[in-house]
Amino acid sequence: QLQLVESGGGLVQPGGSLRLSCTASGVSLDSYGIAWFRQAPGKKREGVSCISRRKGGIKYSDSVKDRFTFSEDNAKHTVYLQMDAMKPEDTAIYYCAADRLGVLWSDCVLDGSEYDYWGQGTQVTVSS
């Protein structure tokens, strides 16, 4: 059973930066499809970014493009979400998600229903 643990959330001022981490329990994440999602109070879950294993490359939602950066360190079984130029509307609980079949997808997807494994989430608050 894959276990994912997010960390790195907190309070940041508008324009500031945070880096979220998602670490897997003793499993290399490069054999999974991986994505970041977020959910703000009273809003639907939103896909933020995913990595495409077959096609290569990273996908971002329009709301975070050019501000957020997805990266991974396979030796540490960890993926990261670097968040820069943050806005109050980035306030949400952030989750990483994984799916074993994701390595077979022609392209990664930002649809939460496609992912089987989820972390517990980490709160991010952007406020002055």
Foldseek 3Di string as FASTA:
>chain_A
DKAKAKDWADEAAQQAKIKMKIAIDVDFQLLKWKFKWWDDPPDDIWTAKTAQQQQGDMDGDPVQPPFWDWDDDRVRRMIMIIGGSDDQVVWTWMKMFIDNCRNVDPGHDRDVVRTDYMYPTDTHGYHD
